[in-house]
Amino acid sequence: MELFRYSRSIYGGSDQLIGASWDLLPWFVGAAVLFIVVHAVLSALAKRRARRSA
């Protein structure tokens, strides 16, 4: 699986980045959802501990 797509420049013959692979989209969406869920759980636990000690 290619992570990035390249093309040859017509001016210099060097490779030019033209985009990223769509195959990685589910991984990034999953990582974002996981981050949000973990953050929500940790925030809830922190608020719960703060109420108990106050």
C-alpha atoms as a PDB file:
ATOM      1  CA  MET A   1       0.000   0.000   0.000  1.00  0.00           C
ATOM      2  CA  GLU A   2       1.399   3.362  -0.993  1.00  0.00           C
ATOM      3  CA  LEU A   3       0.995   6.028   1.680  1.00  0.00           C
ATOM      4  CA  PHE A   4       1.483   8.963  -0.682  1.00  0.00           C
ATOM      5  CA  ARG A   5       0.872   9.469  -4.409  1.00  0.00           C
ATOM      6  CA  TYR A   6       3.566  11.122  -6.494  1.00  0.00           C
ATOM      7  CA  SER A   7       3.716  12.458 -10.021  1.00  0.00           C
ATOM      8  CA  ARG A   8       6.563  13.599 -12.267  1.00  0.00           C
ATOM      9  CA  SER A   9       6.869  17.345 -12.731  1.00  0.00           C
ATOM     10  CA  ILE A  10       6.756  18.415 -16.366  1.00  0.00           C
ATOM     11  CA  TYR A  11       9.283  21.175 -15.683  1.00  0.00           C
ATOM     12  CA  GLY A  12      12.082  19.480 -13.811  1.00  0.00           C
ATOM     13  CA  GLY A  13      11.378  15.801 -13.928  1.00  0.00           C
ATOM     14  CA  SER A  14      11.376  15.595 -10.135  1.00  0.00           C
ATOM     15  CA  ASP A  15       8.694  13.829  -8.114  1.00  0.00           C
ATOM     16  CA  GLN A  16       5.834  15.942  -6.802  1.00  0.00           C
ATOM     17  CA  LEU A  17       3.495  14.970  -3.975  1.00  0.00           C
ATOM     18  CA  ILE A  18      -0.088  14.971  -5.252  1.00  0.00           C
ATOM     19  CA  GLY A  19      -1.955  13.378  -2.338  1.00  0.00           C
ATOM     20  CA  ALA A  20      -2.280  10.796   0.366  1.00  0.00           C
ATOM     21  CA  SER A  21      -3.808   7.361   0.054  1.00  0.00           C
ATOM     22  CA  TRP A  22      -7.532   7.081   0.873  1.00  0.00           C
ATOM     23  CA  ASP A  23      -6.796   3.654   2.334  1.00  0.00           C
ATOM     24  CA  LEU A  24      -5.586   5.356   5.519  1.00  0.00           C
ATOM     25  CA  LEU A  25      -8.806   7.316   6.139  1.00  0.00           C
ATOM     26  CA  PRO A  26     -10.467   4.650   8.353  1.00  0.00           C
ATOM     27  CA  TRP A  27      -7.353   4.500  10.536  1.00  0.00           C
ATOM     28  CA  PHE A  28      -7.347   8.251  11.119  1.00  0.00           C
ATOM     29  CA  VAL A  29     -11.083   8.327  11.811  1.00  0.00           C
ATOM     30  CA  GLY A  30     -10.691   5.456  14.265  1.00  0.00           C
ATOM     31  CA  ALA A  31      -7.782   7.167  16.010  1.00  0.00           C
ATOM     32  CA  ALA A  32      -9.792  10.401  16.306  1.00  0.00           C
ATOM     33  CA  VAL A  33     -12.805   8.587  17.774  1.00  0.00           C
ATOM     34  CA  LEU A  34     -10.590   6.713  20.213  1.00  0.00           C
ATOM     35  CA  PHE A  35      -8.925   9.959  21.304  1.00  0.00           C
ATOM     36  CA  ILE A  36     -12.305  11.636  21.897  1.00  0.00           C
ATOM     37  CA  VAL A  37     -13.644   8.682  23.906  1.00  0.00           C
ATOM     38  CA  VAL A  38     -10.513   8.426  26.068  1.00  0.00           C
ATOM     39  CA  HIS A  39     -10.537  12.184  26.660  1.00  0.00           C
ATOM     40  CA  ALA A  40     -14.223  12.128  27.677  1.00  0.00           C
ATOM     41  CA  VAL A  41     -13.651   9.246  30.095  1.00  0.00           C
ATOM     42  CA  LEU A  42     -10.609  10.882  31.672  1.00  0.00           C
ATOM     43  CA  SER A  43     -12.444  14.205  31.994  1.00  0.00           C
ATOM     44  CA  ALA A  44     -15.388  12.509  33.700  1.00  0.00           C
ATOM     45  CA  LEU A  45     -13.062  10.710  36.112  1.00  0.00           C
ATOM     46  CA  ALA A  46     -11.205  13.934  36.910  1.00  0.00           C
ATOM     47  CA  LYS A  47     -14.478  15.775  37.651  1.00  0.00           C
ATOM     48  CA  ARG A  48     -15.653  12.905  39.820  1.00  0.00           C
ATOM     49  CA  ARG A  49     -12.446  12.948  41.852  1.00  0.00           C
ATOM     50  CA  ALA A  50     -12.602  16.739  42.190  1.00  0.00           C
ATOM     51  CA  ARG A  51     -16.151  16.549  43.605  1.00  0.00           C
ATOM     52  CA  ARG A  52     -15.173  13.909  46.143  1.00  0.00           C
ATOM     53  CA  SER A  53     -12.200  15.891  47.464  1.00  0.00           C
ATOM     54  CA  ALA A  54     -14.046  19.241  47.578  1.00  0.00           C
END
